[in-house]
Amino acid sequence: MLKILTRMPKVELHVHLEGSIPIPALWHLVRKYGGDEHLADANALEHLFQFVDFPHFIDTWIWMTQYFREAEDFTFIADQVAADLARQNIRYAELIFAPGGRNEYGLGIQKVTEAVRKGLDRHRDQITVNLVGDLIRDMGPVLGEKWLRDLNEVKESCGVIGIGIGGSEQRYPPEPYAPVYELARSFGFRTSAHAGEAAGPASIWGAVRALKVDRLGHATRAWEDPLLEEHLRIHRIPLEMCPISNLRTGVVADYALHPVQRYYERGLLVTINSDDPKMFNTSLETEYAALMDRFHFAPKDIRILVEHAIEAAWCPENQKKTLLKELDLYFAA
């Protein structure tokens, strides 16, 4: 069964650059800059990526980003991440990245984005990767608008197709970002937002009503409000679900309690993603295998989930047709 998943052409819509860095590559940057004597080797990084709750995960993510200080660091990690995604036979990915907050190292958003694109393009023959800029809600909408305008300057040249807000959802509701999202749409960006991950249904409603998002990141707690769940179904708002991530951060106490099966069976547009795979010891293949093992998803269900991802992707229609054809040929073989 795992061979079916390994060779299957896949699509990933919610995967973070920073959380996808292979452990050896991250260890290379830790050694490059030093300063953490308690980390004896690469294995220590894996132990570090064990989280007690969602805020602990955010704190660790912030700690990790101190090792991205030069443009060449971003090119290096983008290269390593793209190679890893391609090895998994992920044919198309929308990679979330946080380009801001590097001014202390003399790196503006445009320079960071160009460096990331340089690394990704080394693998353009194996995988198509578009970029989604994370405006990081903790930084506030004023700075978020500035970052958005900076991203707009390199949108076309660097393949930045969308924006979102990650970060501490439990502390920063989405509504203040409404003008920023309106501006993003005027620039031609697609939109998503982390919602219903570390906060409840009100956060999801805010993303839907105030931000008018095209997709929702996680939406794990939508089931708590039947009207919201039905709204998502009727309007076919794509959900970027990340079950193992939610388990690792304590958002869901047990995998058996995750609502992904409920959403799928009730006809919501569910897509499956790995979020921060190297920090959560997962992969897209592992995510699908867990659905088959724990919720008894059949291969036909996995195929439907990939089809959902293709439907929800922000790529041109001709590219979607190519991805669907590749999937059809795989299952016909």
C-alpha atoms as a PDB file:
ATOM      1  CA  MET A   1       0.000   0.000   0.000  1.00  0.00           C
ATOM      2  CA  LEU A   2       2.810   2.413   0.813  1.00  0.00           C
ATOM      3  CA  LYS A   3       4.223   1.864  -2.675  1.00  0.00           C
ATOM      4  CA  ILE A   4       0.955   3.195  -4.077  1.00  0.00           C
ATOM      5  CA  LEU A   5       1.375   6.376  -2.048  1.00  0.00           C
ATOM      6  CA  THR A   6       5.091   6.743  -2.736  1.00  0.00           C
ATOM      7  CA  ARG A   7       4.746   6.621  -6.518  1.00  0.00           C
ATOM      8  CA  MET A   8       1.449   8.510  -6.696  1.00  0.00           C
ATOM      9  CA  PRO A   9       1.759  12.030  -8.141  1.00  0.00           C
ATOM     10  CA  LYS A  10       0.861  14.417  -5.339  1.00  0.00           C
ATOM     11  CA  VAL A  11      -0.103  18.054  -4.792  1.00  0.00           C
ATOM     12  CA  GLU A  12       0.543  20.029  -1.598  1.00  0.00           C
ATOM     13  CA  LEU A  13      -1.081  23.376  -0.831  1.00  0.00           C
ATOM     14  CA  HIS A  14      -0.113  24.050   2.792  1.00  0.00           C
ATOM     15  CA  VAL A  15       3.560  23.448   3.454  1.00  0.00           C
ATOM     16  CA  HIS A  16       5.940  25.937   5.061  1.00  0.00           C
ATOM     17  CA  LEU A  17       9.439  26.491   3.698  1.00  0.00           C
ATOM     18  CA  GLU A  18      10.950  26.955   7.138  1.00  0.00           C
ATOM     19  CA  GLY A  19       9.320  23.833   8.591  1.00  0.00           C
ATOM     20  CA  SER A  20      10.294  21.687   5.607  1.00  0.00           C
ATOM     21  CA  ILE A  21      14.072  22.044   5.840  1.00  0.00           C
ATOM     22  CA  PRO A  22      15.691  18.598   6.000  1.00  0.00           C
ATOM     23  CA  ILE A  23      17.376  18.099   9.364  1.00  0.00           C
ATOM     24  CA  PRO A  24      20.925  17.798   7.910  1.00  0.00           C
ATOM     25  CA  ALA A  25      20.435  21.093   6.051  1.00  0.00           C
ATOM     26  CA  LEU A  26      19.215  22.866   9.177  1.00  0.00           C
ATOM     27  CA  TRP A  27      22.107  21.418  11.156  1.00  0.00           C
ATOM     28  CA  HIS A  28      24.468  22.841   8.518  1.00  0.00           C
ATOM     29  CA  LEU A  29      23.106  26.344   9.249  1.00  0.00           C
ATOM     30  CA  VAL A  30      23.264  25.837  13.025  1.00  0.00           C
ATOM     31  CA  ARG A  31      26.926  24.914  12.736  1.00  0.00           C
ATOM     32  CA  LYS A  32      27.520  27.826  10.365  1.00  0.00           C
ATOM     33  CA  TYR A  33      26.371  30.391  12.924  1.00  0.00           C
ATOM     34  CA  GLY A  34      26.861  28.521  16.217  1.00  0.00           C
ATOM     35  CA  GLY A  35      25.632  29.803  19.549  1.00  0.00           C
ATOM     36  CA  ASP A  36      23.707  26.738  20.773  1.00  0.00           C
ATOM     37  CA  GLU A  37      26.171  24.616  22.688  1.00  0.00           C
ATOM     38  CA  HIS A  38      23.360  22.391  24.038  1.00  0.00           C
ATOM     39  CA  LEU A  39      22.823  21.058  20.512  1.00  0.00           C
ATOM     40  CA  ALA A  40      25.431  18.350  20.176  1.00  0.00           C
ATOM     41  CA  ASP A  41      24.409  17.003  16.777  1.00  0.00           C
ATOM     42  CA  ALA A  42      21.598  16.789  14.240  1.00  0.00           C
ATOM     43  CA  ASN A  43      19.734  14.295  16.411  1.00  0.00           C
ATOM     44  CA  ALA A  44      19.378  16.996  19.063  1.00  0.00           C
ATOM     45  CA  LEU A  45      17.335  19.017  16.573  1.00  0.00           C
ATOM     46  CA  GLU A  46      14.854  16.173  16.230  1.00  0.00           C
ATOM     47  CA  HIS A  47      14.443  16.061  20.009  1.00  0.00           C
ATOM     48  CA  LEU A  48      13.965  19.828  20.010  1.00  0.00           C
ATOM     49  CA  PHE A  49      11.004  19.416  17.667  1.00  0.00           C
ATOM     50  CA  GLN A  50       8.757  17.855  20.306  1.00  0.00           C
ATOM     51  CA  PHE A  51       6.135  20.334  21.378  1.00  0.00           C
ATOM     52  CA  VAL A  52       3.991  20.608  24.482  1.00  0.00           C
ATOM     53  CA  ASP A  53       1.463  22.933  22.849  1.00  0.00           C
ATOM     54  CA  PHE A  54       0.949  25.376  19.985  1.00  0.00           C
ATOM     55  CA  PRO A  55       2.728  28.368  21.612  1.00  0.00           C
ATOM     56  CA  HIS A  56       5.751  26.128  22.230  1.00  0.00           C
ATOM     57  CA  PHE A  57       5.805  25.295  18.533  1.00  0.00           C
ATOM     58  CA  ILE A  58       5.694  29.003  17.613  1.00  0.00           C
ATOM     59  CA  ASP A  59       8.558  29.764  19.998  1.00  0.00           C
ATOM     60  CA  THR A  60      10.660  26.979  18.463  1.00  0.00           C
ATOM     61  CA  TRP A  61       9.874  28.190  14.951  1.00  0.00           C
ATOM     62  CA  ILE A  62      11.069  31.694  15.887  1.00  0.00           C
ATOM     63  CA  TRP A  63      14.242  30.235  17.422  1.00  0.00           C
ATOM     64  CA  MET A  64      14.963  28.316  14.227  1.00  0.00           C
ATOM     65  CA  THR A  65      14.665  31.334  11.944  1.00  0.00           C
ATOM     66  CA  GLN A  66      17.651  33.056  13.580  1.00  0.00           C
ATOM     67  CA  TYR A  67      19.835  30.819  11.410  1.00  0.00           C
ATOM     68  CA  PHE A  68      18.601  32.377   8.149  1.00  0.00           C
ATOM     69  CA  ARG A  69      20.802  35.457   7.904  1.00  0.00           C
ATOM     70  CA  GLU A  70      22.142  35.720   4.365  1.00  0.00           C
ATOM     71  CA  ALA A  71      20.545  35.528   0.952  1.00  0.00           C
ATOM     72  CA  GLU A  72      22.543  32.401   0.253  1.00  0.00           C
ATOM     73  CA  ASP A  73      20.935  30.753   3.313  1.00  0.00           C
ATOM     74  CA  PHE A  74      17.492  31.187   1.762  1.00  0.00           C
ATOM     75  CA  THR A  75      18.717  29.866  -1.575  1.00  0.00           C
ATOM     76  CA  PHE A  76      20.254  26.884   0.223  1.00  0.00           C
ATOM     77  CA  ILE A  77      17.140  25.956   2.190  1.00  0.00           C
ATOM     78  CA  ALA A  78      14.839  26.476  -0.823  1.00  0.00           C
ATOM     79  CA  ASP A  79      17.092  24.199  -2.878  1.00  0.00           C
ATOM     80  CA  GLN A  80      17.024  21.508  -0.173  1.00  0.00           C
ATOM     81  CA  VAL A  81      13.262  21.737   0.349  1.00  0.00           C
ATOM     82  CA  ALA A  82      12.439  21.597  -3.372  1.00  0.00           C
ATOM     83  CA  ALA A  83      14.691  18.571  -3.804  1.00  0.00           C
ATOM     84  CA  ASP A  84      12.974  16.837  -0.895  1.00  0.00           C
ATOM     85  CA  LEU A  85       9.493  17.575  -2.245  1.00  0.00           C
ATOM     86  CA  ALA A  86      10.489  16.306  -5.683  1.00  0.00           C
ATOM     87  CA  ARG A  87      11.827  13.069  -4.172  1.00  0.00           C
ATOM     88  CA  GLN A  88       8.356  12.486  -2.742  1.00  0.00           C
ATOM     89  CA  ASN A  89       6.862  12.789  -6.231  1.00  0.00           C
ATOM     90  CA  ILE A  90       5.026  15.946  -5.277  1.00  0.00           C
ATOM     91  CA  ARG A  91       4.379  17.392  -8.709  1.00  0.00           C
ATOM     92  CA  TYR A  92       3.013  20.769  -7.645  1.00  0.00           C
ATOM     93  CA  ALA A  93       3.361  22.694  -4.371  1.00  0.00           C
ATOM     94  CA  GLU A  94       2.355  26.062  -2.996  1.00  0.00           C
ATOM     95  CA  LEU A  95       5.107  26.819  -0.539  1.00  0.00           C
ATOM     96  CA  ILE A  96       4.358  29.218   2.322  1.00  0.00           C
ATOM     97  CA  PHE A  97       7.318  31.352   3.359  1.00  0.00           C
ATOM     98  CA  ALA A  98       7.877  34.249   5.755  1.00  0.00           C
ATOM     99  CA  PRO A  99       9.943  36.836   3.863  1.00  0.00           C
ATOM    100  CA  GLY A 100       9.780  39.666   6.416  1.00  0.00           C
ATOM    101  CA  GLY A 101      11.629  40.487   9.587  1.00  0.00           C
ATOM    102  CA  ARG A 102      15.147  40.068   8.194  1.00  0.00           C
ATOM    103  CA  ASN A 103      16.120  43.745   8.291  1.00  0.00           C
ATOM    104  CA  GLU A 104      18.568  43.140  11.133  1.00  0.00           C
ATOM    105  CA  TYR A 105      20.581  41.099   8.643  1.00  0.00           C
ATOM    106  CA  GLY A 106      20.233  43.631   5.855  1.00  0.00           C
ATOM    107  CA  LEU A 107      17.744  41.523   3.903  1.00  0.00           C
ATOM    108  CA  GLY A 108      14.650  43.156   2.495  1.00  0.00           C
ATOM    109  CA  ILE A 109      11.633  41.135   1.440  1.00  0.00           C
ATOM    110  CA  GLN A 110      12.451  41.430  -2.250  1.00  0.00           C
ATOM    111  CA  LYS A 111      15.965  40.057  -1.732  1.00  0.00           C
ATOM    112  CA  VAL A 112      14.728  37.163   0.422  1.00  0.00           C
ATOM    113  CA  THR A 113      12.064  36.246  -2.127  1.00  0.00           C
ATOM    114  CA  GLU A 114      14.523  36.357  -5.015  1.00  0.00           C
ATOM    115  CA  ALA A 115      16.940  34.149  -3.066  1.00  0.00           C
ATOM    116  CA  VAL A 116      14.187  31.606  -2.348  1.00  0.00           C
ATOM    117  CA  ARG A 117      13.143  31.527  -5.988  1.00  0.00           C
ATOM    118  CA  LYS A 118      16.749  30.944  -7.056  1.00  0.00           C
ATOM    119  CA  GLY A 119      16.906  27.795  -4.934  1.00  0.00           C
ATOM    120  CA  LEU A 120      13.525  26.501  -6.047  1.00  0.00           C
ATOM    121  CA  ASP A 121      14.336  26.971  -9.714  1.00  0.00           C
ATOM    122  CA  ARG A 122      17.187  24.487  -9.480  1.00  0.00           C
ATOM    123  CA  HIS A 123      14.490  21.787  -9.488  1.00  0.00           C
ATOM    124  CA  ARG A 124      11.966  23.244 -11.900  1.00  0.00           C
ATOM    125  CA  ASP A 125      12.271  20.186 -14.170  1.00  0.00           C
ATOM    126  CA  GLN A 126      11.047  17.918 -11.349  1.00  0.00           C
ATOM    127  CA  ILE A 127       8.466  20.062  -9.541  1.00  0.00           C
ATOM    128  CA  THR A 128       6.503  23.273  -9.948  1.00  0.00           C
ATOM    129  CA  VAL A 129       6.602  25.402  -6.796  1.00  0.00           C
ATOM    130  CA  ASN A 130       4.674  28.631  -6.395  1.00  0.00           C
ATOM    131  CA  LEU A 131       5.091  30.858  -3.363  1.00  0.00           C
ATOM    132  CA  VAL A 132       2.617  32.118  -0.765  1.00  0.00           C
ATOM    133  CA  GLY A 133       3.813  34.956   1.455  1.00  0.00           C
ATOM    134  CA  ASP A 134       3.074  34.672   5.180  1.00  0.00           C
ATOM    135  CA  LEU A 135       2.425  38.137   6.613  1.00  0.00           C
ATOM    136  CA  ILE A 136       2.621  36.720  10.188  1.00  0.00           C
ATOM    137  CA  ARG A 137      -0.305  38.073  12.180  1.00  0.00           C
ATOM    138  CA  ASP A 138       1.849  38.700  15.274  1.00  0.00           C
ATOM    139  CA  MET A 139       3.491  41.612  13.439  1.00  0.00           C
ATOM    140  CA  GLY A 140       0.238  43.508  12.930  1.00  0.00           C
ATOM    141  CA  PRO A 141      -1.618  44.733   9.829  1.00  0.00           C
ATOM    142  CA  VAL A 142       0.406  47.944   9.382  1.00  0.00           C
ATOM    143  CA  LEU A 143       3.614  46.014   8.864  1.00  0.00           C
ATOM    144  CA  GLY A 144       1.631  43.358   7.022  1.00  0.00           C
ATOM    145  CA  GLU A 145       0.575  45.929   4.436  1.00  0.00           C
ATOM    146  CA  LYS A 146       4.166  47.041   3.980  1.00  0.00           C
ATOM    147  CA  TRP A 147       5.281  43.454   3.467  1.00  0.00           C
ATOM    148  CA  LEU A 148       2.435  42.931   1.003  1.00  0.00           C
ATOM    149  CA  ARG A 149       3.530  45.935  -1.065  1.00  0.00           C
ATOM    150  CA  ASP A 150       7.114  44.656  -1.060  1.00  0.00           C
ATOM    151  CA  LEU A 151       5.958  41.213  -2.196  1.00  0.00           C
ATOM    152  CA  ASN A 152       3.937  42.795  -4.969  1.00  0.00           C
ATOM    153  CA  GLU A 153       7.132  44.216  -6.450  1.00  0.00           C
ATOM    154  CA  VAL A 154       8.506  40.717  -7.060  1.00  0.00           C
ATOM    155  CA  LYS A 155       5.221  38.874  -7.506  1.00  0.00           C
ATOM    156  CA  GLU A 156       5.620  38.196 -11.209  1.00  0.00           C
ATOM    157  CA  SER A 157       9.352  37.578 -11.334  1.00  0.00           C
ATOM    158  CA  CYS A 158       9.411  35.237  -8.322  1.00  0.00           C
ATOM    159  CA  GLY A 159       6.133  33.371  -8.704  1.00  0.00           C
ATOM    160  CA  VAL A 160       4.410  34.671  -5.579  1.00  0.00           C
ATOM    161  CA  ILE A 161       0.748  33.831  -6.161  1.00  0.00           C
ATOM    162  CA  GLY A 162      -0.854  34.321  -2.759  1.00  0.00           C
ATOM    163  CA  ILE A 163      -0.649  35.587   0.797  1.00  0.00           C
ATOM    164  CA  GLY A 164      -1.795  34.367   4.192  1.00  0.00           C
ATOM    165  CA  ILE A 165      -1.416  34.988   7.906  1.00  0.00           C
ATOM    166  CA  GLY A 166       0.149  32.381  10.173  1.00  0.00           C
ATOM    167  CA  GLY A 167       1.478  32.838  13.679  1.00  0.00           C
ATOM    168  CA  SER A 168      -0.288  33.135  17.019  1.00  0.00           C
ATOM    169  CA  GLU A 169      -3.918  32.833  15.994  1.00  0.00           C
ATOM    170  CA  GLN A 170      -5.007  32.499  19.627  1.00  0.00           C
ATOM    171  CA  ARG A 171      -3.732  36.030  20.299  1.00  0.00           C
ATOM    172  CA  TYR A 172      -4.417  37.864  17.042  1.00  0.00           C
ATOM    173  CA  PRO A 173      -7.854  37.585  15.379  1.00  0.00           C
ATOM    174  CA  PRO A 174      -8.136  37.995  11.607  1.00  0.00           C
ATOM    175  CA  GLU A 175     -10.484  40.990  11.332  1.00  0.00           C
ATOM    176  CA  PRO A 176      -7.834  43.765  11.559  1.00  0.00           C
ATOM    177  CA  TYR A 177      -6.287  42.360   8.386  1.00  0.00           C
ATOM    178  CA  ALA A 178      -9.408  42.993   6.260  1.00  0.00           C
ATOM    179  CA  PRO A 179      -7.975  46.101   4.485  1.00  0.00           C
ATOM    180  CA  VAL A 180      -4.705  44.263   3.825  1.00  0.00           C
ATOM    181  CA  TYR A 181      -6.567  41.371   2.197  1.00  0.00           C
ATOM    182  CA  GLU A 182      -8.635  43.765   0.106  1.00  0.00           C
ATOM    183  CA  LEU A 183      -5.413  45.350  -1.128  1.00  0.00           C
ATOM    184  CA  ALA A 184      -3.932  41.918  -1.815  1.00  0.00           C
ATOM    185  CA  ARG A 185      -6.873  41.029  -4.044  1.00  0.00           C
ATOM    186  CA  SER A 186      -6.459  44.301  -5.931  1.00  0.00           C
ATOM    187  CA  PHE A 187      -2.839  43.284  -6.584  1.00  0.00           C
ATOM    188  CA  GLY A 188      -3.976  39.931  -7.978  1.00  0.00           C
ATOM    189  CA  PHE A 189      -2.949  37.736  -5.043  1.00  0.00           C
ATOM    190  CA  ARG A 190      -4.991  34.735  -3.929  1.00  0.00           C
ATOM    191  CA  THR A 191      -5.670  34.507  -0.209  1.00  0.00           C
ATOM    192  CA  SER A 192      -5.710  32.061   2.652  1.00  0.00           C
ATOM    193  CA  ALA A 193      -5.428  32.316   6.436  1.00  0.00           C
ATOM    194  CA  HIS A 194      -4.576  29.998   9.294  1.00  0.00           C
ATOM    195  CA  ALA A 195      -7.883  29.736  11.138  1.00  0.00           C
ATOM    196  CA  GLY A 196      -9.438  27.226  13.500  1.00  0.00           C
ATOM    197  CA  GLU A 197      -6.040  25.840  14.434  1.00  0.00           C
ATOM    198  CA  ALA A 198      -5.187  27.548  17.731  1.00  0.00           C
ATOM    199  CA  ALA A 199      -8.550  29.346  18.049  1.00  0.00           C
ATOM    200  CA  GLY A 200     -12.191  28.373  17.618  1.00  0.00           C
ATOM    201  CA  PRO A 201     -14.985  28.893  15.071  1.00  0.00           C
ATOM    202  CA  ALA A 202     -15.024  32.680  15.558  1.00  0.00           C
ATOM    203  CA  SER A 203     -11.569  32.833  14.007  1.00  0.00           C
ATOM    204  CA  ILE A 204     -12.765  30.866  10.981  1.00  0.00           C
ATOM    205  CA  TRP A 205     -15.830  33.079  10.576  1.00  0.00           C
ATOM    206  CA  GLY A 206     -13.532  36.097  10.718  1.00  0.00           C
ATOM    207  CA  ALA A 207     -11.338  34.705   7.948  1.00  0.00           C
ATOM    208  CA  VAL A 208     -14.380  33.920   5.810  1.00  0.00           C
ATOM    209  CA  ARG A 209     -16.434  37.077   6.409  1.00  0.00           C
ATOM    210  CA  ALA A 210     -13.841  39.786   7.026  1.00  0.00           C
ATOM    211  CA  LEU A 211     -10.902  38.519   4.981  1.00  0.00           C
ATOM    212  CA  LYS A 212     -13.005  36.771   2.293  1.00  0.00           C
ATOM    213  CA  VAL A 213     -10.351  34.109   1.898  1.00  0.00           C
ATOM    214  CA  ASP A 214     -10.151  31.776  -1.079  1.00  0.00           C
ATOM    215  CA  ARG A 215      -9.001  28.909   1.182  1.00  0.00           C
ATOM    216  CA  LEU A 216      -8.700  28.145   4.881  1.00  0.00           C
ATOM    217  CA  GLY A 217      -5.582  26.810   6.576  1.00  0.00           C
ATOM    218  CA  HIS A 218      -6.531  24.012   9.008  1.00  0.00           C
ATOM    219  CA  ALA A 219     -10.174  24.875  10.015  1.00  0.00           C
ATOM    220  CA  THR A 220      -9.780  22.046  12.519  1.00  0.00           C
ATOM    221  CA  ARG A 221     -12.420  23.447  14.876  1.00  0.00           C
ATOM    222  CA  ALA A 222     -15.121  24.273  12.339  1.00  0.00           C
ATOM    223  CA  TRP A 223     -17.135  21.254  13.493  1.00  0.00           C
ATOM    224  CA  GLU A 224     -17.868  23.060  16.769  1.00  0.00           C
ATOM    225  CA  ASP A 225     -20.294  25.334  14.892  1.00  0.00           C
ATOM    226  CA  PRO A 226     -22.728  23.352  12.689  1.00  0.00           C
ATOM    227  CA  LEU A 227     -23.731  26.511  10.792  1.00  0.00           C
ATOM    228  CA  LEU A 228     -20.094  27.210   9.972  1.00  0.00           C
ATOM    229  CA  GLU A 229     -19.467  23.647   8.887  1.00  0.00           C
ATOM    230  CA  GLU A 230     -22.480  23.810   6.581  1.00  0.00           C
ATOM    231  CA  HIS A 231     -21.363  27.184   5.216  1.00  0.00           C
ATOM    232  CA  LEU A 232     -17.985  25.729   4.289  1.00  0.00           C
ATOM    233  CA  ARG A 233     -19.696  22.797   2.564  1.00  0.00           C
ATOM    234  CA  ILE A 234     -22.239  24.829   0.617  1.00  0.00           C
ATOM    235  CA  HIS A 235     -19.712  27.409  -0.568  1.00  0.00           C
ATOM    236  CA  ARG A 236     -17.099  24.745  -1.198  1.00  0.00           C
ATOM    237  CA  ILE A 237     -14.352  26.680   0.555  1.00  0.00           C
ATOM    238  CA  PRO A 238     -11.206  24.539   0.351  1.00  0.00           C
ATOM    239  CA  LEU A 239      -9.719  23.385   3.646  1.00  0.00           C
ATOM    240  CA  GLU A 240      -5.947  22.979   3.877  1.00  0.00           C
ATOM    241  CA  MET A 241      -6.025  20.235   6.525  1.00  0.00           C
ATOM    242  CA  CYS A 242      -2.883  19.045   8.317  1.00  0.00           C
ATOM    243  CA  PRO A 243      -3.891  16.228  10.710  1.00  0.00           C
ATOM    244  CA  ILE A 244      -0.495  15.152  12.045  1.00  0.00           C
ATOM    245  CA  SER A 245       0.526  18.772  12.570  1.00  0.00           C
ATOM    246  CA  ASN A 246      -2.582  19.276  14.708  1.00  0.00           C
ATOM    247  CA  LEU A 247      -1.660  16.213  16.742  1.00  0.00           C
ATOM    248  CA  ARG A 248       1.959  17.315  17.241  1.00  0.00           C
ATOM    249  CA  THR A 249       1.001  20.798  18.475  1.00  0.00           C
ATOM    250  CA  GLY A 250      -1.726  19.514  20.770  1.00  0.00           C
ATOM    251  CA  VAL A 251      -4.515  21.179  18.807  1.00  0.00           C
ATOM    252  CA  VAL A 252      -6.089  17.703  18.666  1.00  0.00           C
ATOM    253  CA  ALA A 253      -5.522  15.422  21.660  1.00  0.00           C
ATOM    254  CA  ASP A 254      -5.707  12.151  19.724  1.00  0.00           C
ATOM    255  CA  TYR A 255      -5.598  11.327  16.026  1.00  0.00           C
ATOM    256  CA  ALA A 256      -8.897   9.450  16.337  1.00  0.00           C
ATOM    257  CA  LEU A 257     -10.545  12.730  17.375  1.00  0.00           C
ATOM    258  CA  HIS A 258      -9.447  14.656  14.302  1.00  0.00           C
ATOM    259  CA  PRO A 259     -12.419  15.909  12.224  1.00  0.00           C
ATOM    260  CA  VAL A 260     -10.852  15.189   8.828  1.00  0.00           C
ATOM    261  CA  GLN A 261     -12.954  12.069   8.239  1.00  0.00           C
ATOM    262  CA  ARG A 262     -16.118  13.868   9.363  1.00  0.00           C
ATOM    263  CA  TYR A 263     -15.471  16.740   6.960  1.00  0.00           C
ATOM    264  CA  TYR A 264     -14.687  14.401   4.079  1.00  0.00           C
ATOM    265  CA  GLU A 265     -17.785  12.272   4.587  1.00  0.00           C
ATOM    266  CA  ARG A 266     -19.993  15.363   4.878  1.00  0.00           C
ATOM    267  CA  GLY A 267     -18.795  16.644   1.519  1.00  0.00           C
ATOM    268  CA  LEU A 268     -16.462  19.480   2.496  1.00  0.00           C
ATOM    269  CA  LEU A 269     -13.631  20.254   0.105  1.00  0.00           C
ATOM    270  CA  VAL A 270     -10.822  18.664   2.100  1.00  0.00           C
ATOM    271  CA  THR A 271      -7.191  18.754   0.999  1.00  0.00           C
ATOM    272  CA  ILE A 272      -4.382  17.001   2.888  1.00  0.00           C
ATOM    273  CA  ASN A 273      -1.057  18.664   3.635  1.00  0.00           C
ATOM    274  CA  SER A 274       2.028  18.224   5.825  1.00  0.00           C
ATOM    275  CA  ASP A 275       2.367  21.826   7.148  1.00  0.00           C
ATOM    276  CA  ASP A 276       5.855  21.750   8.766  1.00  0.00           C
ATOM    277  CA  PRO A 277       6.883  18.185   7.917  1.00  0.00           C
ATOM    278  CA  LYS A 278      10.445  18.152   9.275  1.00  0.00           C
ATOM    279  CA  MET A 279       9.363  19.747  12.544  1.00  0.00           C
ATOM    280  CA  PHE A 280       6.469  17.293  12.918  1.00  0.00           C
ATOM    281  CA  ASN A 281       8.208  14.171  11.578  1.00  0.00           C
ATOM    282  CA  THR A 282       5.684  13.703   8.809  1.00  0.00           C
ATOM    283  CA  SER A 283       5.306  13.901   5.026  1.00  0.00           C
ATOM    284  CA  LEU A 284       2.444  13.979   2.575  1.00  0.00           C
ATOM    285  CA  GLU A 285       2.816  10.234   2.087  1.00  0.00           C
ATOM    286  CA  THR A 286       2.717   9.709   5.865  1.00  0.00           C
ATOM    287  CA  GLU A 287      -0.435  11.830   6.088  1.00  0.00           C
ATOM    288  CA  TYR A 288      -2.219   9.713   3.497  1.00  0.00           C
ATOM    289  CA  ALA A 289      -0.996   6.470   5.082  1.00  0.00           C
ATOM    290  CA  ALA A 290      -2.379   7.574   8.460  1.00  0.00           C
ATOM    291  CA  LEU A 291      -5.790   8.248   6.906  1.00  0.00           C
ATOM    292  CA  MET A 292      -5.799   4.753   5.430  1.00  0.00           C
ATOM    293  CA  ASP A 293      -4.633   3.130   8.654  1.00  0.00           C
ATOM    294  CA  ARG A 294      -6.657   5.042  11.248  1.00  0.00           C
ATOM    295  CA  PHE A 295      -9.768   6.084   9.327  1.00  0.00           C
ATOM    296  CA  HIS A 296      -9.803   3.287   6.723  1.00  0.00           C
ATOM    297  CA  PHE A 297      -9.619   5.583   3.712  1.00  0.00           C
ATOM    298  CA  ALA A 298      -9.442   3.510   0.516  1.00  0.00           C
ATOM    299  CA  PRO A 299      -7.167   4.266  -2.451  1.00  0.00           C
ATOM    300  CA  LYS A 300     -10.168   5.794  -4.243  1.00  0.00           C
ATOM    301  CA  ASP A 301     -10.590   8.216  -1.331  1.00  0.00           C
ATOM    302  CA  ILE A 302      -6.928   9.203  -1.493  1.00  0.00           C
ATOM    303  CA  ARG A 303      -7.325   9.850  -5.198  1.00  0.00           C
ATOM    304  CA  ILE A 304     -10.320  12.100  -4.492  1.00  0.00           C
ATOM    305  CA  LEU A 305      -8.273  14.041  -1.931  1.00  0.00           C
ATOM    306  CA  VAL A 306      -5.559  14.652  -4.535  1.00  0.00           C
ATOM    307  CA  GLU A 307      -8.249  15.733  -6.989  1.00  0.00           C
ATOM    308  CA  HIS A 308      -9.517  18.153  -4.344  1.00  0.00           C
ATOM    309  CA  ALA A 309      -6.030  19.607  -4.019  1.00  0.00           C
ATOM    310  CA  ILE A 310      -5.800  20.085  -7.775  1.00  0.00           C
ATOM    311  CA  GLU A 311      -9.227  21.765  -7.811  1.00  0.00           C
ATOM    312  CA  ALA A 312      -8.216  24.101  -4.987  1.00  0.00           C
ATOM    313  CA  ALA A 313      -4.758  24.917  -6.372  1.00  0.00           C
ATOM    314  CA  TRP A 314      -3.959  28.443  -7.515  1.00  0.00           C
ATOM    315  CA  CYS A 315      -2.327  27.401 -10.771  1.00  0.00           C
ATOM    316  CA  PRO A 316      -3.646  27.905 -14.326  1.00  0.00           C
ATOM    317  CA  GLU A 317      -6.392  25.617 -15.605  1.00  0.00           C
ATOM    318  CA  ASN A 318      -4.111  24.032 -18.200  1.00  0.00           C
ATOM    319  CA  GLN A 319      -1.727  23.017 -15.435  1.00  0.00           C
ATOM    320  CA  LYS A 320      -4.606  21.542 -13.440  1.00  0.00           C
ATOM    321  CA  LYS A 321      -5.595  19.485 -16.481  1.00  0.00           C
ATOM    322  CA  THR A 322      -2.025  18.213 -16.779  1.00  0.00           C
ATOM    323  CA  LEU A 323      -1.955  17.235 -13.102  1.00  0.00           C
ATOM    324  CA  LEU A 324      -5.318  15.460 -13.396  1.00  0.00           C
ATOM    325  CA  LYS A 325      -4.160  13.597 -16.481  1.00  0.00           C
ATOM    326  CA  GLU A 326      -1.021  12.444 -14.688  1.00  0.00           C
ATOM    327  CA  LEU A 327      -3.149  11.231 -11.781  1.00  0.00           C
ATOM    328  CA  ASP A 328      -5.550   9.409 -14.143  1.00  0.00           C
ATOM    329  CA  LEU A 329      -2.661   7.672 -15.925  1.00  0.00           C
ATOM    330  CA  TYR A 330      -1.186   6.577 -12.610  1.00  0.00           C
ATOM    331  CA  PHE A 331      -4.387   4.945 -11.381  1.00  0.00           C
ATOM    332  CA  ALA A 332      -5.092   3.405 -14.799  1.00  0.00           C
ATOM    333  CA  ALA A 333      -1.730   1.629 -14.852  1.00  0.00           C
END
